[in-house]
Amino acid sequence: MNDLNKLDAGVIKMLKLWLGLALTADSSALFRGSHSFGMSLKRPSELYKHLRVSKRYILGKSHDDIVTSLPKDEDAPEMINIRSMQ
């Protein structure tokens, strides 16, 4: 299980506990659209990817030379992939 799957599993477990659902309950209701009687939440791993791309973009556009010289996150998704994640 990779780190993003662990993130999903942990967050889904906490959401179920917070909502009062059984841990064995089907988690698809959390991520289905409201038209399908779901909660329309985004998967934590997908949200994490979006946030990393946004952070990389913001830091890359900075006018501060110290910020732009910071080491790049090597495993962060490239800016080109932001449209494919939406």
C-alpha atoms as a PDB file:
ATOM      1  CA  MET A   1       0.000   0.000   0.000  1.00  0.00           C
ATOM      2  CA  ASN A   2       1.547   3.296  -1.013  1.00  0.00           C
ATOM      3  CA  ASP A   3       1.431   6.474   1.046  1.00  0.00           C
ATOM      4  CA  LEU A   4      -1.560   7.985  -0.770  1.00  0.00           C
ATOM      5  CA  ASN A   5      -3.618   4.836  -0.229  1.00  0.00           C
ATOM      6  CA  LYS A   6      -2.698   4.976   3.456  1.00  0.00           C
ATOM      7  CA  LEU A   7      -3.802   8.608   3.519  1.00  0.00           C
ATOM      8  CA  ASP A   8      -7.145   7.693   1.926  1.00  0.00           C
ATOM      9  CA  ALA A   9      -7.693   4.787   4.319  1.00  0.00           C
ATOM     10  CA  GLY A  10      -6.890   6.866   7.404  1.00  0.00           C
ATOM     11  CA  VAL A  11      -9.065   9.817   6.430  1.00  0.00           C
ATOM     12  CA  ILE A  12     -11.974   7.582   5.399  1.00  0.00           C
ATOM     13  CA  LYS A  13     -11.772   5.766   8.735  1.00  0.00           C
ATOM     14  CA  MET A  14     -11.849   9.061  10.644  1.00  0.00           C
ATOM     15  CA  LEU A  15     -14.746  10.379   8.512  1.00  0.00           C
ATOM     16  CA  LYS A  16     -16.769   7.248   9.239  1.00  0.00           C
ATOM     17  CA  LEU A  17     -16.093   7.565  12.973  1.00  0.00           C
ATOM     18  CA  TRP A  18     -16.977  11.261  12.917  1.00  0.00           C
ATOM     19  CA  LEU A  19     -20.202  10.613  10.997  1.00  0.00           C
ATOM     20  CA  GLY A  20     -21.150   7.705  13.244  1.00  0.00           C
ATOM     21  CA  LEU A  21     -20.961   5.129  10.456  1.00  0.00           C
ATOM     22  CA  ALA A  22     -19.787   1.582  11.004  1.00  0.00           C
ATOM     23  CA  LEU A  23     -16.184   1.073   9.893  1.00  0.00           C
ATOM     24  CA  THR A  24     -17.386  -1.733   7.631  1.00  0.00           C
ATOM     25  CA  ALA A  25     -19.901   0.566   5.873  1.00  0.00           C
ATOM     26  CA  ASP A  26     -19.406   1.181   2.161  1.00  0.00           C
ATOM     27  CA  SER A  27     -17.372   4.360   1.762  1.00  0.00           C
ATOM     28  CA  SER A  28     -18.604   5.104  -1.766  1.00  0.00           C
ATOM     29  CA  ALA A  29     -21.408   7.262  -0.321  1.00  0.00           C
ATOM     30  CA  LEU A  30     -18.765   9.717   0.831  1.00  0.00           C
ATOM     31  CA  PHE A  31     -17.502  10.284  -2.704  1.00  0.00           C
ATOM     32  CA  ARG A  32     -20.639   9.912  -4.845  1.00  0.00           C
ATOM     33  CA  GLY A  33     -22.299  13.023  -6.167  1.00  0.00           C
ATOM     34  CA  SER A  34     -25.297  14.502  -4.373  1.00  0.00           C
ATOM     35  CA  HIS A  35     -27.507  13.496  -7.296  1.00  0.00           C
ATOM     36  CA  SER A  36     -26.625   9.876  -6.386  1.00  0.00           C
ATOM     37  CA  PHE A  37     -27.331  10.396  -2.677  1.00  0.00           C
ATOM     38  CA  GLY A  38     -23.683  10.914  -1.801  1.00  0.00           C
ATOM     39  CA  MET A  39     -21.746  13.622   0.000  1.00  0.00           C
ATOM     40  CA  SER A  40     -19.691  14.774  -3.027  1.00  0.00           C
ATOM     41  CA  LEU A  41     -16.383  14.719  -1.138  1.00  0.00           C
ATOM     42  CA  LYS A  42     -13.073  14.530  -2.966  1.00  0.00           C
ATOM     43  CA  ARG A  43     -10.731  11.629  -2.256  1.00  0.00           C
ATOM     44  CA  PRO A  44      -7.987  12.814   0.117  1.00  0.00           C
ATOM     45  CA  SER A  45      -5.258  11.569  -2.232  1.00  0.00           C
ATOM     46  CA  GLU A  46      -6.654  13.616  -5.132  1.00  0.00           C
ATOM     47  CA  LEU A  47      -7.014  16.709  -2.963  1.00  0.00           C
ATOM     48  CA  TYR A  48      -3.422  16.220  -1.778  1.00  0.00           C
ATOM     49  CA  LYS A  49      -2.204  16.115  -5.398  1.00  0.00           C
ATOM     50  CA  HIS A  50      -4.083  19.332  -6.220  1.00  0.00           C
ATOM     51  CA  LEU A  51      -2.603  21.086  -3.195  1.00  0.00           C
ATOM     52  CA  ARG A  52       0.941  20.038  -4.092  1.00  0.00           C
ATOM     53  CA  VAL A  53       0.575  21.330  -7.638  1.00  0.00           C
ATOM     54  CA  SER A  54      -0.873  24.604  -6.319  1.00  0.00           C
ATOM     55  CA  LYS A  55       1.976  24.994  -3.836  1.00  0.00           C
ATOM     56  CA  ARG A  56       4.555  24.340  -6.533  1.00  0.00           C
ATOM     57  CA  TYR A  57       2.922  26.893  -8.829  1.00  0.00           C
ATOM     58  CA  ILE A  58       2.699  29.579  -6.125  1.00  0.00           C
ATOM     59  CA  LEU A  59       6.312  29.104  -5.032  1.00  0.00           C
ATOM     60  CA  GLY A  60       7.491  29.096  -8.649  1.00  0.00           C
ATOM     61  CA  LYS A  61       5.787  32.424  -9.383  1.00  0.00           C
ATOM     62  CA  SER A  62       7.253  34.164  -6.336  1.00  0.00           C
ATOM     63  CA  HIS A  63       9.223  37.385  -6.847  1.00  0.00           C
ATOM     64  CA  ASP A  64      11.501  36.444  -3.937  1.00  0.00           C
ATOM     65  CA  ASP A  65      14.742  34.860  -5.161  1.00  0.00           C
ATOM     66  CA  ILE A  66      15.146  32.901  -1.929  1.00  0.00           C
ATOM     67  CA  VAL A  67      11.753  31.257  -2.392  1.00  0.00           C
ATOM     68  CA  THR A  68      12.333  30.380  -6.031  1.00  0.00           C
ATOM     69  CA  SER A  69      15.750  28.903  -5.193  1.00  0.00           C
ATOM     70  CA  LEU A  70      14.255  26.442  -2.703  1.00  0.00           C
ATOM     71  CA  PRO A  71      14.734  22.797  -3.688  1.00  0.00           C
ATOM     72  CA  LYS A  72      11.934  21.481  -5.854  1.00  0.00           C
ATOM     73  CA  ASP A  73       9.729  18.659  -4.672  1.00  0.00           C
ATOM     74  CA  GLU A  74      10.996  15.973  -7.052  1.00  0.00           C
ATOM     75  CA  ASP A  75       7.954  13.709  -6.832  1.00  0.00           C
ATOM     76  CA  ALA A  76       5.377  16.498  -7.101  1.00  0.00           C
ATOM     77  CA  PRO A  77       3.144  16.357 -10.173  1.00  0.00           C
ATOM     78  CA  GLU A  78       4.134  18.659 -12.991  1.00  0.00           C
ATOM     79  CA  MET A  79       2.152  21.807 -13.734  1.00  0.00           C
ATOM     80  CA  ILE A  80       0.980  20.340 -17.052  1.00  0.00           C
ATOM     81  CA  ASN A  81      -0.916  17.588 -15.223  1.00  0.00           C
ATOM     82  CA  ILE A  82      -3.174  19.962 -13.289  1.00  0.00           C
ATOM     83  CA  ARG A  83      -5.877  19.804 -15.985  1.00  0.00           C
ATOM     84  CA  SER A  84      -5.848  16.000 -16.015  1.00  0.00           C
ATOM     85  CA  MET A  85      -6.550  15.919 -12.265  1.00  0.00           C
ATOM     86  CA  GLN A  86      -9.673  18.063 -12.449  1.00  0.00           C
END
